[in-house]
Amino acid sequence: MKAARKVIHLFVIMFSLGSLLVMAACGAPTAAPPASAGQTADSAEAKAPATRKYTDYKGNEVQIPVQPQRVIFAGETFGDLLVLGVDAVGAQLSSIKDHVFENRVKPIADVGFPINLEKVLELKPDLILVASTDAKQYEQLSKVAPTVMFDTFAPLDERIALLGDLLGKQQQAKQWLADFNAKAEAMWKQLRADGMKDGETASVFTYYPGDRLFVMARAGLPQMLYHPNGFKPTPMIQEMLNGSQGFKHISPELLPQYAGDRIFILIPAAGLEDARKSTDELMKSRIWLDLPAVKNGRVYSIDISKSDSDASTREWMLEELPRMLRK
């Protein structure tokens, strides 16, 4: 009897071992070995966005994303982004409101002027482009996200090519510049055919609050007017250009030294009543009325918000400038 029990017990053990072997052969799940520290680091690195070193025009070195997704643009030439198909998450709305491209801008957060750091933090940008060269502000923004000082006074070709590089839109930038420059060449050619003379000079003036008269040189409308095939700056304005001055505060008595064969007067923004009053008073003054351009009927008024040098405004100006000059 004892022998029989031993045989049965042995049979049960052998049956159980056999069942375990069958389960293993059929792919029963087994625990995977733990990932090594090196494998975990490689996986995290693969998911992290690619970055590269960049040095801006003021010498600031920064690691920027190769393909930024959440861009804040704090500067006057917001319209540059639109021609590259870039939708920023934040901007200074004062650089958008009442501009010719305003209806093309999707809903966007206002970072304020001066910049509100709390709002910038809320937006979680991966790249900040700022026109200001204030070192303290740059340091604060750099703690939030990679920050690049962007020269909004630079010529259009330089700005668009640079933005294409910074925003991963190189091909779009190259194509837009080729198309725009071809249209600009055609416009200036037509204007010459319509009577514009070689060597004609032009100047741009505007009033700011506080009864301050400014002559514009490297900022806004002059960038378009002083095209190689366009108008020429007067000698005094050429000196400003040589010194990389965007604009200069002058007294009305100096107008004759800066005034060109054609004068473009920028009308201050709505709400700046003192600046608008100063403009009206200037245009009634003896100094103004004695200028050759005024006597020859070659004075053109344009809202200051429609005279910026950004790419979108420049596209609009290709059609608007010929209309202005025909009046």
Protein backbone atom coordinates (compact mmCIF):
# COMPACT_ATOMS: atom_id res chain seq x y z
CA MET A 1 0.00 0.00 0.00
CA LYS A 2 2.84 2.31 0.93
CA ALA A 3 4.49 1.50 -2.37
CA ALA A 4 1.33 2.42 -4.26
CA ARG A 5 1.13 5.79 -2.49
CA LYS A 6 4.75 6.58 -3.40
CA VAL A 7 4.05 5.80 -7.06
CA ILE A 8 0.95 8.06 -7.10
CA HIS A 9 2.86 10.89 -5.34
CA LEU A 10 5.72 10.63 -7.83
CA PHE A 11 3.24 10.69 -10.71
CA VAL A 12 1.63 13.90 -9.43
CA ILE A 13 5.02 15.64 -9.16
CA MET A 14 6.01 14.58 -12.68
CA PHE A 15 2.63 15.75 -14.05
CA SER A 16 3.05 19.18 -12.43
CA LEU A 17 6.56 19.63 -13.81
CA GLY A 18 5.34 18.66 -17.26
CA SER A 19 2.56 21.22 -17.15
CA LEU A 20 5.02 23.97 -16.23
CA LEU A 21 7.28 23.04 -19.14
CA VAL A 22 4.33 23.13 -21.57
CA MET A 23 3.30 26.59 -20.36
CA ALA A 24 6.82 27.91 -20.83
CA ALA A 25 6.99 26.45 -24.32
CA CYS A 26 3.66 28.07 -25.24
CA GLY A 27 4.94 31.57 -24.40
CA ALA A 28 3.76 32.12 -20.86
CA PRO A 29 4.68 35.72 -19.90
CA THR A 30 7.96 36.26 -18.16
CA ALA A 31 9.22 39.40 -16.41
CA ALA A 32 11.35 41.70 -18.65
CA PRO A 33 14.75 42.67 -17.36
CA PRO A 34 14.83 46.22 -15.93
CA ALA A 35 16.03 48.97 -18.32
CA SER A 36 19.54 50.15 -17.71
CA ALA A 37 20.28 53.77 -16.76
CA GLY A 38 21.90 54.27 -20.16
CA GLN A 39 18.77 53.09 -22.02
CA THR A 40 16.55 55.47 -19.99
CA ALA A 41 18.82 58.45 -20.73
CA ASP A 42 18.89 57.62 -24.45
CA SER A 43 15.08 57.49 -24.55
CA ALA A 44 14.74 60.86 -22.80
CA GLU A 45 17.28 62.42 -25.14
CA ALA A 46 15.41 61.11 -28.18
CA LYS A 47 12.20 62.81 -26.97
CA ALA A 48 13.84 66.17 -26.13
CA PRO A 49 13.51 68.81 -28.88
CA ALA A 50 16.65 69.43 -30.92
CA THR A 51 18.51 72.65 -30.13
CA ARG A 52 21.44 74.59 -31.56
CA LYS A 53 23.69 77.41 -30.47
CA TYR A 54 22.89 80.88 -31.81
CA THR A 55 24.55 84.27 -31.29
CA ASP A 56 22.35 87.31 -31.84
CA TYR A 57 23.47 90.67 -33.22
CA LYS A 58 24.26 91.96 -29.73
CA GLY A 59 26.56 89.03 -28.99
CA ASN A 60 24.23 87.04 -26.73
CA GLU A 61 24.84 83.28 -27.05
CA VAL A 62 21.85 81.02 -26.49
CA GLN A 63 20.66 77.48 -27.19
CA ILE A 64 17.51 77.75 -29.28
CA PRO A 65 15.11 75.05 -30.53
CA VAL A 66 15.64 73.99 -34.14
CA GLN A 67 11.88 74.01 -34.74
CA PRO A 68 10.29 76.38 -32.17
CA GLN A 69 6.58 75.82 -31.59
CA ARG A 70 5.61 78.51 -29.06
CA VAL A 71 7.10 81.85 -30.11
CA ILE A 72 6.69 85.24 -28.45
CA PHE A 73 7.54 88.21 -30.69
CA ALA A 74 7.99 91.52 -28.86
CA GLY A 75 8.84 94.10 -31.50
CA GLU A 76 7.54 96.51 -34.12
CA THR A 77 7.70 94.22 -37.16
CA PHE A 78 5.18 91.54 -36.21
CA GLY A 79 3.98 91.44 -39.81
CA ASP A 80 7.25 89.68 -40.72
CA LEU A 81 5.99 86.49 -39.06
CA LEU A 82 2.77 86.42 -41.09
CA VAL A 83 4.47 86.11 -44.47
CA LEU A 84 6.30 83.03 -43.14
CA GLY A 85 3.10 81.41 -41.90
CA VAL A 86 4.09 81.65 -38.22
CA ASP A 87 1.39 82.00 -35.55
CA ALA A 88 3.02 83.41 -32.42
CA VAL A 89 1.50 82.69 -29.00
CA GLY A 90 2.27 86.18 -27.69
CA ALA A 91 3.08 89.69 -28.92
CA GLN A 92 2.76 93.36 -28.03
CA LEU A 93 -0.71 94.12 -29.39
CA SER A 94 0.29 97.75 -29.93
CA SER A 95 2.38 96.46 -32.86
CA ILE A 96 -0.72 94.84 -34.39
CA LYS A 97 -3.68 97.10 -33.64
CA ASP A 98 -4.75 99.35 -36.56
CA HIS A 99 -2.03 97.95 -38.83
CA VAL A 100 -2.84 96.81 -42.35
CA PHE A 101 -2.41 93.14 -41.39
CA GLU A 102 -4.50 93.23 -38.18
CA ASN A 103 -7.35 91.13 -39.62
CA ARG A 104 -4.88 88.38 -40.58
CA VAL A 105 -3.68 87.80 -37.02
CA LYS A 106 -5.25 84.90 -35.14
CA PRO A 107 -6.25 85.40 -31.47
CA ILE A 108 -3.05 86.08 -29.58
CA ALA A 109 -2.01 86.98 -26.03
CA ASP A 110 -0.79 90.49 -25.27
CA VAL A 111 2.56 90.47 -23.43
CA GLY A 112 2.29 94.22 -22.91
CA PHE A 113 4.59 97.17 -23.34
CA PRO A 114 6.76 97.09 -21.35
CA ILE A 115 6.74 93.29 -21.30
CA ASN A 116 4.75 91.62 -18.53
CA LEU A 117 6.92 88.76 -17.21
CA GLU A 118 3.99 87.01 -15.54
CA LYS A 119 2.15 86.84 -18.85
CA VAL A 120 5.28 85.53 -20.56
CA LEU A 121 5.54 82.77 -17.93
CA GLU A 122 1.89 81.81 -18.48
CA LEU A 123 2.44 81.34 -22.21
CA LYS A 124 5.30 78.83 -21.73
CA PRO A 125 7.26 79.92 -24.83
CA ASP A 126 10.12 77.90 -26.27
CA LEU A 127 11.59 80.98 -28.01
CA ILE A 128 11.32 84.72 -27.33
CA LEU A 129 12.27 87.28 -29.98
CA VAL A 130 12.60 90.77 -28.52
CA ALA A 131 13.42 94.08 -30.19
CA SER A 132 14.54 95.75 -26.98
CA THR A 133 18.25 95.77 -26.20
CA ASP A 134 17.70 96.36 -22.48
CA ALA A 135 20.16 94.04 -20.70
CA LYS A 136 18.08 93.70 -17.53
CA GLN A 137 14.97 92.75 -19.45
CA TYR A 138 16.95 90.28 -21.53
CA GLU A 139 18.28 88.60 -18.40
CA GLN A 140 14.76 88.25 -16.97
CA LEU A 141 13.32 86.84 -20.18
CA SER A 142 16.23 84.43 -20.60
CA LYS A 143 15.24 82.78 -17.33
CA VAL A 144 11.84 81.95 -18.85
CA ALA A 145 12.91 80.67 -22.28
CA PRO A 146 15.70 81.03 -24.89
CA THR A 147 15.70 84.72 -25.82
CA VAL A 148 17.11 86.41 -28.93
CA MET A 149 17.55 90.15 -29.44
CA PHE A 150 16.11 90.87 -32.88
CA ASP A 151 17.06 93.98 -34.90
CA THR A 152 13.78 95.33 -36.26
CA PHE A 153 15.68 98.18 -37.94
CA ALA A 154 17.63 95.76 -40.14
CA PRO A 155 16.81 95.78 -43.88
CA LEU A 156 13.85 93.62 -44.89
CA ASP A 157 15.96 91.04 -46.76
CA GLU A 158 18.16 90.51 -43.70
CA ARG A 159 15.23 90.28 -41.28
CA ILE A 160 13.22 87.76 -43.28
CA ALA A 161 16.24 85.56 -43.98
CA LEU A 162 17.15 85.63 -40.29
CA LEU A 163 13.60 84.85 -39.16
CA GLY A 164 13.50 81.96 -41.61
CA ASP A 165 16.64 80.60 -39.97
CA LEU A 166 15.45 81.15 -36.40
CA LEU A 167 11.99 79.69 -36.95
CA GLY A 168 12.85 76.77 -39.20
CA LYS A 169 11.21 78.46 -42.21
CA GLN A 170 14.24 78.85 -44.47
CA GLN A 171 12.51 77.80 -47.71
CA GLN A 172 9.45 79.98 -47.09
CA ALA A 173 11.70 82.98 -46.39
CA LYS A 174 13.73 82.43 -49.55
CA GLN A 175 10.61 82.12 -51.71
CA TRP A 176 8.86 85.15 -50.20
CA LEU A 177 11.91 87.36 -50.69
CA ALA A 178 12.28 86.28 -54.31
CA ASP A 179 8.62 87.05 -55.03
CA PHE A 180 8.60 90.35 -53.16
CA ASN A 181 11.81 91.68 -54.71
CA ALA A 182 10.52 90.85 -58.19
CA LYS A 183 7.31 92.80 -57.49
CA ALA A 184 9.27 95.74 -56.03
CA GLU A 185 11.50 95.93 -59.11
CA ALA A 186 8.40 95.99 -61.31
CA MET A 187 6.79 98.74 -59.21
CA TRP A 188 9.82 101.05 -59.33
CA LYS A 189 10.18 100.44 -63.06
CA GLN A 190 6.58 101.49 -63.57
CA LEU A 191 6.97 104.58 -61.38
CA ARG A 192 9.92 105.69 -63.49
CA ALA A 193 7.86 105.17 -66.61
CA ASP A 194 5.15 107.32 -64.99
CA GLY A 195 7.54 110.27 -64.52
CA MET A 196 9.70 109.64 -61.48
CA LYS A 197 13.14 111.14 -62.18
CA ASP A 198 16.59 109.76 -61.48
CA GLY A 199 18.07 111.16 -58.30
CA GLU A 200 14.78 112.41 -56.84
CA THR A 201 15.03 112.70 -53.06
CA ALA A 202 12.42 111.92 -50.45
CA SER A 203 12.12 112.43 -46.72
CA VAL A 204 9.75 111.21 -44.01
CA PHE A 205 8.68 113.24 -40.96
CA THR A 206 6.37 112.65 -38.01
CA TYR A 207 5.44 114.20 -34.68
CA TYR A 208 5.53 112.40 -31.36
CA PRO A 209 3.80 113.58 -28.16
CA GLY A 210 5.53 116.48 -26.50
CA ASP A 211 5.71 118.58 -29.69
CA ARG A 212 8.71 116.54 -30.89
CA LEU A 213 9.37 116.46 -34.62
CA PHE A 214 11.30 113.49 -35.98
CA VAL A 215 12.92 112.77 -39.31
CA MET A 216 12.90 109.04 -40.14
CA ALA A 217 15.87 107.29 -41.71
CA ARG A 218 16.34 103.60 -40.98
CA ALA A 219 12.91 102.82 -39.54
CA GLY A 220 9.54 102.31 -41.18
CA LEU A 221 8.60 103.78 -44.56
CA PRO A 222 12.10 105.04 -45.52
CA GLN A 223 13.28 101.43 -45.75
CA MET A 224 11.01 101.03 -48.75
CA LEU A 225 11.50 104.48 -50.26
CA TYR A 226 15.30 104.19 -50.27
CA HIS A 227 15.27 101.14 -52.51
CA PRO A 228 18.26 100.96 -54.94
CA ASN A 229 15.85 101.90 -57.73
CA GLY A 230 13.76 104.20 -55.57
CA PHE A 231 14.11 107.65 -54.09
CA LYS A 232 17.38 108.92 -52.67
CA PRO A 233 17.87 110.26 -49.14
CA THR A 234 18.89 113.88 -48.78
CA PRO A 235 22.53 114.42 -47.71
CA MET A 236 21.53 115.01 -44.07
CA ILE A 237 19.46 111.83 -44.00
CA GLN A 238 22.27 109.94 -45.69
CA GLU A 239 24.48 110.91 -42.76
CA MET A 240 21.89 109.37 -40.44
CA LEU A 241 21.88 106.19 -42.50
CA ASN A 242 25.67 106.05 -42.41
CA GLY A 243 25.46 106.22 -38.64
CA SER A 244 22.73 103.53 -38.49
CA GLN A 245 20.23 105.96 -36.97
CA GLY A 246 16.61 104.89 -37.12
CA PHE A 247 15.26 108.41 -36.55
CA LYS A 248 16.32 111.79 -35.19
CA HIS A 249 14.63 114.54 -33.21
CA ILE A 250 14.95 117.89 -34.98
CA SER A 251 13.54 121.38 -34.59
CA PRO A 252 11.13 122.69 -37.27
CA GLU A 253 13.74 125.30 -38.21
CA LEU A 254 15.94 122.48 -39.54
CA LEU A 255 13.27 121.15 -41.92
CA PRO A 256 14.77 122.77 -45.03
CA GLN A 257 18.03 120.88 -44.42
CA TYR A 258 16.28 117.49 -44.36
CA ALA A 259 13.35 117.98 -46.75
CA GLY A 260 13.55 116.16 -50.07
CA ASP A 261 11.90 116.65 -53.47
CA ARG A 262 9.01 114.64 -52.05
CA ILE A 263 7.83 114.66 -48.44
CA PHE A 264 5.92 111.92 -46.65
CA ILE A 265 4.28 113.07 -43.43
CA LEU A 266 3.18 110.34 -41.00
CA ILE A 267 -0.04 111.14 -39.16
CA PRO A 268 0.21 110.22 -35.43
CA ALA A 269 -2.02 107.47 -34.07
CA ALA A 270 -5.56 108.25 -32.96
CA GLY A 271 -5.58 109.37 -29.35
CA LEU A 272 -2.30 111.25 -29.59
CA GLU A 273 -4.10 114.56 -29.95
CA ASP A 274 -1.14 116.73 -28.98
CA ALA A 275 1.01 115.11 -31.69
CA ARG A 276 -1.78 115.54 -34.24
CA LYS A 277 -2.16 119.18 -33.22
CA SER A 278 1.59 119.73 -33.67
CA THR A 279 1.34 118.20 -37.15
CA ASP A 280 -1.52 120.52 -38.13
CA GLU A 281 0.32 123.57 -36.83
CA LEU A 282 3.49 122.62 -38.70
CA MET A 283 1.63 122.29 -41.99
CA LYS A 284 0.30 125.82 -41.57
CA SER A 285 3.68 127.33 -40.69
CA ARG A 286 5.76 129.57 -42.97
CA ILE A 287 8.73 127.17 -42.78
CA TRP A 288 6.57 124.32 -44.09
CA LEU A 289 4.78 126.31 -46.78
CA ASP A 290 8.11 127.55 -48.19
CA LEU A 291 9.51 124.04 -48.75
CA PRO A 292 9.89 123.22 -52.49
CA ALA A 293 8.07 119.90 -52.10
CA VAL A 294 5.09 121.68 -50.57
CA LYS A 295 5.03 124.34 -53.28
CA ASN A 296 5.19 121.63 -55.97
CA GLY A 297 2.36 119.62 -54.46
CA ARG A 298 4.55 116.63 -53.65
CA VAL A 299 3.52 116.00 -50.08
CA TYR A 300 1.86 112.71 -49.09
CA SER A 301 0.13 111.93 -45.79
CA ILE A 302 -0.21 108.42 -44.38
CA ASP A 303 -1.24 107.03 -41.00
CA ILE A 304 1.84 106.08 -39.03
CA SER A 305 0.40 102.61 -38.30
CA LYS A 306 0.35 101.94 -42.04
CA SER A 307 3.93 103.01 -42.65
CA ASP A 308 5.85 100.27 -40.85
CA SER A 309 8.71 98.35 -42.43
CA ASP A 310 7.37 94.87 -41.66
CA ALA A 311 6.94 92.46 -44.56
CA SER A 312 3.12 92.45 -44.52
CA THR A 313 2.92 96.25 -44.64
CA ARG A 314 5.53 96.33 -47.38
CA GLU A 315 3.38 93.98 -49.49
CA TRP A 316 0.46 96.37 -49.05
CA MET A 317 2.67 99.37 -49.85
CA LEU A 318 3.62 97.90 -53.23
CA GLU A 319 0.10 98.79 -54.34
CA GLU A 320 -0.49 101.81 -52.11
CA LEU A 321 2.65 103.81 -53.01
CA PRO A 322 1.83 104.12 -56.74
CA ARG A 323 -1.69 105.25 -55.79
CA MET A 324 -0.30 107.89 -53.43
CA LEU A 325 2.12 109.27 -56.00
CA ARG A 326 -0.58 109.53 -58.67
CA LYS A 327 -2.69 111.86 -56.51
